[in-house]
Amino acid sequence: DKGITAKIDVTELMGSELHLHLNSDGKDVVVV
């Protein structure tokens, strides 16, 4: 609810995991 703000660019549904590619202050960040 509180932390670094980012926007979702791309999502990949991998079955048991969701990979989120975020635009975080212009940087690509991957979250699993």
PDB file of all heavy atoms in Angstrom:
ATOM      1  N   ASP A   1       0.834  -1.206   0.000  1.00  0.00           N
ATOM      2  CA  ASP A   1       0.000   0.000   0.000  1.00  0.00           C
ATOM      3  C   ASP A   1       0.867   1.254   0.000  1.00  0.00           C
ATOM      4  O   ASP A   1       0.421   2.329  -0.393  1.00  0.00           O
ATOM      5  CB  ASP A   1      -0.914   0.011   1.233  1.00  0.00           C
ATOM      6  CG  ASP A   1      -1.912  -1.142   1.200  1.00  0.00           C
ATOM      7  OD1 ASP A   1      -2.312  -1.533   0.083  1.00  0.00           O
ATOM      8  OD2 ASP A   1      -2.260  -1.662   2.279  1.00  0.00           O
ATOM      9  N   LYS A   2       2.111   1.094   0.475  1.00  0.00           N
ATOM     10  CA  LYS A   2       3.007   2.242   0.578  1.00  0.00           C
ATOM     11  C   LYS A   2       4.415   1.788   0.179  1.00  0.00           C
ATOM     12  O   LYS A   2       4.883   0.748   0.617  1.00  0.00           O
ATOM     13  CB  LYS A   2       3.004   2.771   2.011  1.00  0.00           C
ATOM     14  CG  LYS A   2       3.781   4.053   2.205  1.00  0.00           C
ATOM     15  CD  LYS A   2       3.696   4.505   3.649  1.00  0.00           C
ATOM     16  CE  LYS A   2       4.511   5.774   3.853  1.00  0.00           C
ATOM     17  NZ  LYS A   2       4.511   6.191   5.281  1.00  0.00           N
ATOM     18  N   GLY A   3       5.074   2.556  -0.672  1.00  0.00           N
ATOM     19  CA  GLY A   3       6.420   2.194  -1.105  1.00  0.00           C
ATOM     20  C   GLY A   3       6.818   2.986  -2.333  1.00  0.00           C
ATOM     21  O   GLY A   3       6.473   4.163  -2.462  1.00  0.00           O
ATOM     22  N   ILE A   4       7.542   2.341  -3.272  1.00  0.00           N
ATOM     23  CA  ILE A   4       7.955   2.986  -4.519  1.00  0.00           C
ATOM     24  C   ILE A   4       6.796   2.890  -5.515  1.00  0.00           C
ATOM     25  O   ILE A   4       6.208   1.828  -5.701  1.00  0.00           O
ATOM     26  CB  ILE A   4       9.207   2.304  -5.094  1.00  0.00           C
ATOM     27  CG1 ILE A   4      10.369   2.373  -4.094  1.00  0.00           C
ATOM     28  CG2 ILE A   4       9.618   2.937  -6.416  1.00  0.00           C
ATOM     29  CD1 ILE A   4      11.584   1.553  -4.482  1.00  0.00           C
ATOM     30  N   THR A   5       6.482   4.004  -6.140  1.00  0.00           N
ATOM     31  CA  THR A   5       5.363   4.038  -7.090  1.00  0.00           C
ATOM     32  C   THR A   5       5.841   3.627  -8.487  1.00  0.00           C
ATOM     33  O   THR A   5       6.911   4.042  -8.933  1.00  0.00           O
ATOM     34  CB  THR A   5       4.749   5.445  -7.138  1.00  0.00           C
ATOM     35  OG1 THR A   5       4.296   5.801  -5.823  1.00  0.00           O
ATOM     36  CG2 THR A   5       3.566   5.498  -8.098  1.00  0.00           C
ATOM     37  N   ALA A   6       5.047   2.803  -9.158  1.00  0.00           N
ATOM     38  CA  ALA A   6       5.388   2.348 -10.509  1.00  0.00           C
ATOM     39  C   ALA A   6       4.109   2.067 -11.280  1.00  0.00           C
ATOM     40  O   ALA A   6       3.025   1.955 -10.702  1.00  0.00           O
ATOM     41  CB  ALA A   6       6.252   1.087 -10.437  1.00  0.00           C
ATOM     42  N   LYS A   7       4.248   1.927 -12.611  1.00  0.00           N
ATOM     43  CA  LYS A   7       3.105   1.624 -13.459  1.00  0.00           C
ATOM     44  C   LYS A   7       3.359   0.304 -14.181  1.00  0.00           C
ATOM     45  O   LYS A   7       4.464   0.056 -14.657  1.00  0.00           O
ATOM     46  CB  LYS A   7       2.892   2.752 -14.471  1.00  0.00           C
ATOM     47  CG  LYS A   7       1.600   2.611 -15.269  1.00  0.00           C
ATOM     48  CD  LYS A   7       1.419   3.796 -16.208  1.00  0.00           C
ATOM     49  CE  LYS A   7       0.132   3.652 -17.001  1.00  0.00           C
ATOM     50  NZ  LYS A   7      -0.065   4.767 -17.956  1.00  0.00           N
ATOM     51  N   ILE A   8       2.340  -0.534 -14.248  1.00  0.00           N
ATOM     52  CA  ILE A   8       2.477  -1.826 -14.940  1.00  0.00           C
ATOM     53  C   ILE A   8       2.561  -1.584 -16.438  1.00  0.00           C
ATOM     54  O   ILE A   8       1.718  -0.920 -17.026  1.00  0.00           O
ATOM     55  CB  ILE A   8       1.279  -2.751 -14.625  1.00  0.00           C
ATOM     56  CG1 ILE A   8       1.210  -3.064 -13.127  1.00  0.00           C
ATOM     57  CG2 ILE A   8       1.392  -4.046 -15.426  1.00  0.00           C
ATOM     58  CD1 ILE A   8      -0.035  -3.843 -12.721  1.00  0.00           C
ATOM     59  N   ASP A   9       3.620  -2.130 -17.058  1.00  0.00           N
ATOM     60  CA  ASP A   9       3.792  -2.056 -18.517  1.00  0.00           C
ATOM     61  C   ASP A   9       3.281  -3.333 -19.184  1.00  0.00           C
ATOM     62  O   ASP A   9       2.490  -3.294 -20.116  1.00  0.00           O
ATOM     63  CB  ASP A   9       5.276  -1.879 -18.856  1.00  0.00           C
ATOM     64  CG  ASP A   9       5.642  -0.427 -19.079  1.00  0.00           C
ATOM     65  OD1 ASP A   9       4.722   0.388 -19.186  1.00  0.00           O
ATOM     66  OD2 ASP A   9       6.849  -0.121 -19.133  1.00  0.00           O
ATOM     67  N   VAL A  10       3.798  -4.465 -18.702  1.00  0.00           N
ATOM     68  CA  VAL A  10       3.490  -5.766 -19.301  1.00  0.00           C
ATOM     69  C   VAL A  10       3.286  -6.776 -18.184  1.00  0.00           C
ATOM     70  O   VAL A  10       3.960  -6.703 -17.141  1.00  0.00           O
ATOM     71  CB  VAL A  10       4.648  -6.252 -20.217  1.00  0.00           C
ATOM     72  CG1 VAL A  10       4.365  -7.642 -20.769  1.00  0.00           C
ATOM     73  CG2 VAL A  10       4.889  -5.277 -21.356  1.00  0.00           C
ATOM     74  N   THR A  11       2.380  -7.718 -18.374  1.00  0.00           N
ATOM     75  CA  THR A  11       2.214  -8.815 -17.409  1.00  0.00           C
ATOM     76  C   THR A  11       2.348 -10.145 -18.133  1.00  0.00           C
ATOM     77  O   THR A  11       1.922 -10.281 -19.283  1.00  0.00           O
ATOM     78  CB  THR A  11       0.836  -8.759 -16.709  1.00  0.00           C
ATOM     79  OG1 THR A  11      -0.193  -8.892 -17.692  1.00  0.00           O
ATOM     80  CG2 THR A  11       0.661  -7.457 -15.947  1.00  0.00           C
ATOM     81  N   GLU A  12       2.964 -11.111 -17.461  1.00  0.00           N
ATOM     82  CA  GLU A  12       3.115 -12.465 -18.002  1.00  0.00           C
ATOM     83  C   GLU A  12       2.573 -13.456 -16.983  1.00  0.00           C
ATOM     84  O   GLU A  12       3.098 -13.536 -15.864  1.00  0.00           O
ATOM     85  CB  GLU A  12       4.586 -12.783 -18.287  1.00  0.00           C
ATOM     86  CG  GLU A  12       5.242 -11.892 -19.316  1.00  0.00           C
ATOM     87  CD  GLU A  12       6.730 -12.171 -19.451  1.00  0.00           C
ATOM     88  OE1 GLU A  12       7.462 -11.972 -18.456  1.00  0.00           O
ATOM     89  OE2 GLU A  12       7.159 -12.604 -20.523  1.00  0.00           O
ATOM     90  N   LEU A  13       1.537 -14.173 -17.360  1.00  0.00           N
ATOM     91  CA  LEU A  13       0.956 -15.167 -16.455  1.00  0.00           C
ATOM     92  C   LEU A  13       1.650 -16.495 -16.695  1.00  0.00           C
ATOM     93  O   LEU A  13       1.578 -17.072 -17.788  1.00  0.00           O
ATOM     94  CB  LEU A  13      -0.551 -15.286 -16.709  1.00  0.00           C
ATOM     95  CG  LEU A  13      -1.337 -16.163 -15.719  1.00  0.00           C
ATOM     96  CD1 LEU A  13      -1.131 -15.702 -14.283  1.00  0.00           C
ATOM     97  CD2 LEU A  13      -2.824 -16.157 -16.078  1.00  0.00           C
ATOM     98  N   MET A  14       2.363 -16.996 -15.684  1.00  0.00           N
ATOM     99  CA  MET A  14       3.194 -18.202 -15.818  1.00  0.00           C
ATOM    100  C   MET A  14       2.615 -19.378 -15.038  1.00  0.00           C
ATOM    101  O   MET A  14       3.345 -20.228 -14.545  1.00  0.00           O
ATOM    102  CB  MET A  14       4.620 -17.909 -15.319  1.00  0.00           C
ATOM    103  CG  MET A  14       5.226 -16.632 -15.846  1.00  0.00           C
ATOM    104  SD  MET A  14       5.630 -16.705 -17.591  1.00  0.00           S
ATOM    105  CE  MET A  14       7.130 -17.656 -17.547  1.00  0.00           C
ATOM    106  N   GLY A  15       1.310 -19.418 -14.892  1.00  0.00           N
ATOM    107  CA  GLY A  15       0.673 -20.503 -14.150  1.00  0.00           C
ATOM    108  C   GLY A  15       0.591 -20.169 -12.669  1.00  0.00           C
ATOM    109  O   GLY A  15      -0.340 -19.513 -12.219  1.00  0.00           O
ATOM    110  N   SER A  16       1.603 -20.592 -11.919  1.00  0.00           N
ATOM    111  CA  SER A  16       1.588 -20.354 -10.475  1.00  0.00           C
ATOM    112  C   SER A  16       2.144 -18.981 -10.109  1.00  0.00           C
ATOM    113  O   SER A  16       2.049 -18.556  -8.960  1.00  0.00           O
ATOM    114  CB  SER A  16       2.395 -21.432  -9.747  1.00  0.00           C
ATOM    115  OG  SER A  16       3.744 -21.413 -10.179  1.00  0.00           O
ATOM    116  N   GLU A  17       2.744 -18.284 -11.108  1.00  0.00           N
ATOM    117  CA  GLU A  17       3.338 -16.973 -10.851  1.00  0.00           C
ATOM    118  C   GLU A  17       2.846 -15.946 -11.866  1.00  0.00           C
ATOM    119  O   GLU A  17       2.534 -16.283 -13.001  1.00  0.00           O
ATOM    120  CB  GLU A  17       4.865 -17.039 -10.939  1.00  0.00           C
ATOM    121  CG  GLU A  17       5.534 -17.882  -9.874  1.00  0.00           C
ATOM    122  CD  GLU A  17       7.027 -18.002 -10.100  1.00  0.00           C
ATOM    123  OE1 GLU A  17       7.498 -17.742 -11.238  1.00  0.00           O
ATOM    124  OE2 GLU A  17       7.727 -18.359  -9.136  1.00  0.00           O
ATOM    125  N   LEU A  18       2.825 -14.699 -11.420  1.00  0.00           N
ATOM    126  CA  LEU A  18       2.535 -13.580 -12.312  1.00  0.00           C
ATOM    127  C   LEU A  18       3.780 -12.698 -12.361  1.00  0.00           C
ATOM    128  O   LEU A  18       4.272 -12.252 -11.323  1.00  0.00           O
ATOM    129  CB  LEU A  18       1.329 -12.779 -11.794  1.00  0.00           C
ATOM    130  CG  LEU A  18       0.859 -11.612 -12.667  1.00  0.00           C
ATOM    131  CD1 LEU A  18       0.349 -12.107 -14.015  1.00  0.00           C
ATOM    132  CD2 LEU A  18      -0.219 -10.802 -11.949  1.00  0.00           C
ATOM    133  N   HIS A  19       4.321 -12.498 -13.574  1.00  0.00           N
ATOM    134  CA  HIS A  19       5.491 -11.637 -13.744  1.00  0.00           C
ATOM    135  C   HIS A  19       5.011 -10.254 -14.169  1.00  0.00           C
ATOM    136  O   HIS A  19       4.348 -10.117 -15.212  1.00  0.00           O
ATOM    137  CB  HIS A  19       6.447 -12.202 -14.791  1.00  0.00           C
ATOM    138  CG  HIS A  19       7.116 -13.474 -14.367  1.00  0.00           C
ATOM    139  ND1 HIS A  19       8.271 -13.937 -14.947  1.00  0.00           N
ATOM    140  CD2 HIS A  19       6.815 -14.370 -13.402  1.00  0.00           C
ATOM    141  CE1 HIS A  19       8.643 -15.078 -14.368  1.00  0.00           C
ATOM    142  NE2 HIS A  19       7.765 -15.353 -13.438  1.00  0.00           N
ATOM    143  N   LEU A  20       5.335  -9.255 -13.378  1.00  0.00           N
ATOM    144  CA  LEU A  20       4.951  -7.881 -13.682  1.00  0.00           C
ATOM    145  C   LEU A  20       6.174  -7.107 -14.148  1.00  0.00           C
ATOM    146  O   LEU A  20       7.200  -7.072 -13.450  1.00  0.00           O
ATOM    147  CB  LEU A  20       4.374  -7.201 -12.435  1.00  0.00           C
ATOM    148  CG  LEU A  20       3.189  -7.877 -11.738  1.00  0.00           C
ATOM    149  CD1 LEU A  20       2.835  -7.122 -10.474  1.00  0.00           C
ATOM    150  CD2 LEU A  20       1.995  -7.942 -12.676  1.00  0.00           C
ATOM    151  N   HIS A  21       6.093  -6.487 -15.321  1.00  0.00           N
ATOM    152  CA  HIS A  21       7.142  -5.591 -15.800  1.00  0.00           C
ATOM    153  C   HIS A  21       6.660  -4.172 -15.521  1.00  0.00           C
ATOM    154  O   HIS A  21       5.672  -3.720 -16.112  1.00  0.00           O
ATOM    155  CB  HIS A  21       7.389  -5.797 -17.302  1.00  0.00           C
ATOM    156  CG  HIS A  21       7.980  -7.136 -17.613  1.00  0.00           C
ATOM    157  ND1 HIS A  21       9.317  -7.313 -17.889  1.00  0.00           N
ATOM    158  CD2 HIS A  21       7.420  -8.366 -17.675  1.00  0.00           C
ATOM    159  CE1 HIS A  21       9.556  -8.594 -18.130  1.00  0.00           C
ATOM    160  NE2 HIS A  21       8.413  -9.256 -17.996  1.00  0.00           N
ATOM    161  N   LEU A  22       7.360  -3.505 -14.628  1.00  0.00           N
ATOM    162  CA  LEU A  22       6.928  -2.190 -14.173  1.00  0.00           C
ATOM    163  C   LEU A  22       7.799  -1.089 -14.758  1.00  0.00           C
ATOM    164  O   LEU A  22       9.003  -1.274 -14.954  1.00  0.00           O
ATOM    165  CB  LEU A  22       6.993  -2.105 -12.642  1.00  0.00           C
ATOM    166  CG  LEU A  22       6.342  -3.228 -11.836  1.00  0.00           C
ATOM    167  CD1 LEU A  22       6.550  -2.970 -10.346  1.00  0.00           C
ATOM    168  CD2 LEU A  22       4.857  -3.345 -12.164  1.00  0.00           C
ATOM    169  N   ASN A  23       7.162   0.065 -15.010  1.00  0.00           N
ATOM    170  CA  ASN A  23       7.908   1.283 -15.317  1.00  0.00           C
ATOM    171  C   ASN A  23       8.024   2.047 -14.007  1.00  0.00           C
ATOM    172  O   ASN A  23       7.065   2.619 -13.519  1.00  0.00           O
ATOM    173  CB  ASN A  23       7.166   2.117 -16.367  1.00  0.00           C
ATOM    174  CG  ASN A  23       7.939   3.369 -16.756  1.00  0.00           C
ATOM    175  OD1 ASN A  23       8.739   3.889 -15.990  1.00  0.00           O
ATOM    176  ND2 ASN A  23       7.695   3.843 -17.964  1.00  0.00           N
ATOM    177  N   SER A  24       9.225   1.998 -13.437  1.00  0.00           N
ATOM    178  CA  SER A  24       9.453   2.612 -12.130  1.00  0.00           C
ATOM    179  C   SER A  24      10.409   3.782 -12.302  1.00  0.00           C
ATOM    180  O   SER A  24      11.631   3.588 -12.394  1.00  0.00           O
ATOM    181  CB  SER A  24      10.039   1.571 -11.163  1.00  0.00           C
ATOM    182  OG  SER A  24      10.195   2.096  -9.868  1.00  0.00           O
ATOM    183  N   ASP A  25       9.842   4.980 -12.415  1.00  0.00           N
ATOM    184  CA  ASP A  25      10.636   6.189 -12.640  1.00  0.00           C
ATOM    185  C   ASP A  25      11.512   6.036 -13.886  1.00  0.00           C
ATOM    186  O   ASP A  25      12.707   6.362 -13.893  1.00  0.00           O
ATOM    187  CB  ASP A  25      11.496   6.501 -11.410  1.00  0.00           C
ATOM    188  CG  ASP A  25      12.060   7.922 -11.441  1.00  0.00           C
ATOM    189  OD1 ASP A  25      11.465   8.767 -12.148  1.00  0.00           O
ATOM    190  OD2 ASP A  25      13.096   8.179 -10.796  1.00  0.00           O
ATOM    191  N   GLY A  26      10.918   5.483 -14.958  1.00  0.00           N
ATOM    192  CA  GLY A  26      11.630   5.312 -16.226  1.00  0.00           C
ATOM    193  C   GLY A  26      12.475   4.058 -16.307  1.00  0.00           C
ATOM    194  O   GLY A  26      13.101   3.787 -17.337  1.00  0.00           O
ATOM    195  N   LYS A  27      12.514   3.279 -15.241  1.00  0.00           N
ATOM    196  CA  LYS A  27      13.328   2.057 -15.218  1.00  0.00           C
ATOM    197  C   LYS A  27      12.436   0.823 -15.270  1.00  0.00           C
ATOM    198  O   LYS A  27      11.386   0.782 -14.641  1.00  0.00           O
ATOM    199  CB  LYS A  27      14.168   2.039 -13.926  1.00  0.00           C
ATOM    200  CG  LYS A  27      15.052   0.826 -13.807  1.00  0.00           C
ATOM    201  CD  LYS A  27      16.036   0.980 -12.673  1.00  0.00           C
ATOM    202  CE  LYS A  27      16.972  -0.215 -12.630  1.00  0.00           C
ATOM    203  NZ  LYS A  27      17.707  -0.425 -13.878  1.00  0.00           N
ATOM    204  N   ASP A  28      12.877  -0.205 -16.044  1.00  0.00           N
ATOM    205  CA  ASP A  28      12.115  -1.458 -16.121  1.00  0.00           C
ATOM    206  C   ASP A  28      12.440  -2.322 -14.906  1.00  0.00           C
ATOM    207  O   ASP A  28      13.596  -2.661 -14.671  1.00  0.00           O
ATOM    208  CB  ASP A  28      12.464  -2.211 -17.412  1.00  0.00           C
ATOM    209  CG  ASP A  28      11.646  -3.482 -17.563  1.00  0.00           C
ATOM    210  OD1 ASP A  28      10.419  -3.415 -17.422  1.00  0.00           O
ATOM    211  OD2 ASP A  28      12.232  -4.552 -17.815  1.00  0.00           O
ATOM    212  N   VAL A  29      11.433  -2.654 -14.145  1.00  0.00           N
ATOM    213  CA  VAL A  29      11.592  -3.478 -12.945  1.00  0.00           C
ATOM    214  C   VAL A  29      10.679  -4.697 -13.076  1.00  0.00           C
ATOM    215  O   VAL A  29       9.499  -4.553 -13.407  1.00  0.00           O
ATOM    216  CB  VAL A  29      11.234  -2.689 -11.664  1.00  0.00           C
ATOM    217  CG1 VAL A  29      11.292  -3.593 -10.434  1.00  0.00           C
ATOM    218  CG2 VAL A  29      12.173  -1.512 -11.492  1.00  0.00           C
ATOM    219  N   VAL A  30      11.243  -5.875 -12.838  1.00  0.00           N
ATOM    220  CA  VAL A  30      10.462  -7.111 -12.929  1.00  0.00           C
ATOM    221  C   VAL A  30      10.117  -7.590 -11.520  1.00  0.00           C
ATOM    222  O   VAL A  30      10.990  -7.646 -10.638  1.00  0.00           O
ATOM    223  CB  VAL A  30      11.236  -8.217 -13.677  1.00  0.00           C
ATOM    224  CG1 VAL A  30      10.404  -9.494 -13.748  1.00  0.00           C
ATOM    225  CG2 VAL A  30      11.614  -7.754 -15.074  1.00  0.00           C
ATOM    226  N   VAL A  31       8.850  -7.914 -11.316  1.00  0.00           N
ATOM    227  CA  VAL A  31       8.369  -8.413 -10.025  1.00  0.00           C
ATOM    228  C   VAL A  31       7.705  -9.770 -10.263  1.00  0.00           C
ATOM    229  O   VAL A  31       6.913  -9.920 -11.198  1.00  0.00           O
ATOM    230  CB  VAL A  31       7.341  -7.444  -9.388  1.00  0.00           C
ATOM    231  CG1 VAL A  31       6.859  -7.979  -8.043  1.00  0.00           C
ATOM    232  CG2 VAL A  31       7.945  -6.055  -9.224  1.00  0.00           C
ATOM    233  N   VAL A  32       8.037 -10.749  -9.444  1.00  0.00           N
ATOM    234  CA  VAL A  32       7.416 -12.077  -9.523  1.00  0.00           C
ATOM    235  C   VAL A  32       6.556 -12.271  -8.279  1.00  0.00           C
ATOM    236  O   VAL A  32       7.068 -12.229  -7.154  1.00  0.00           O
ATOM    237  CB  VAL A  32       8.484 -13.190  -9.609  1.00  0.00           C
ATOM    238  CG1 VAL A  32       7.820 -14.565  -9.544  1.00  0.00           C
ATOM    239  CG2 VAL A  32       9.291 -13.065 -10.896  1.00  0.00           C
TER     240      VAL A  32
END
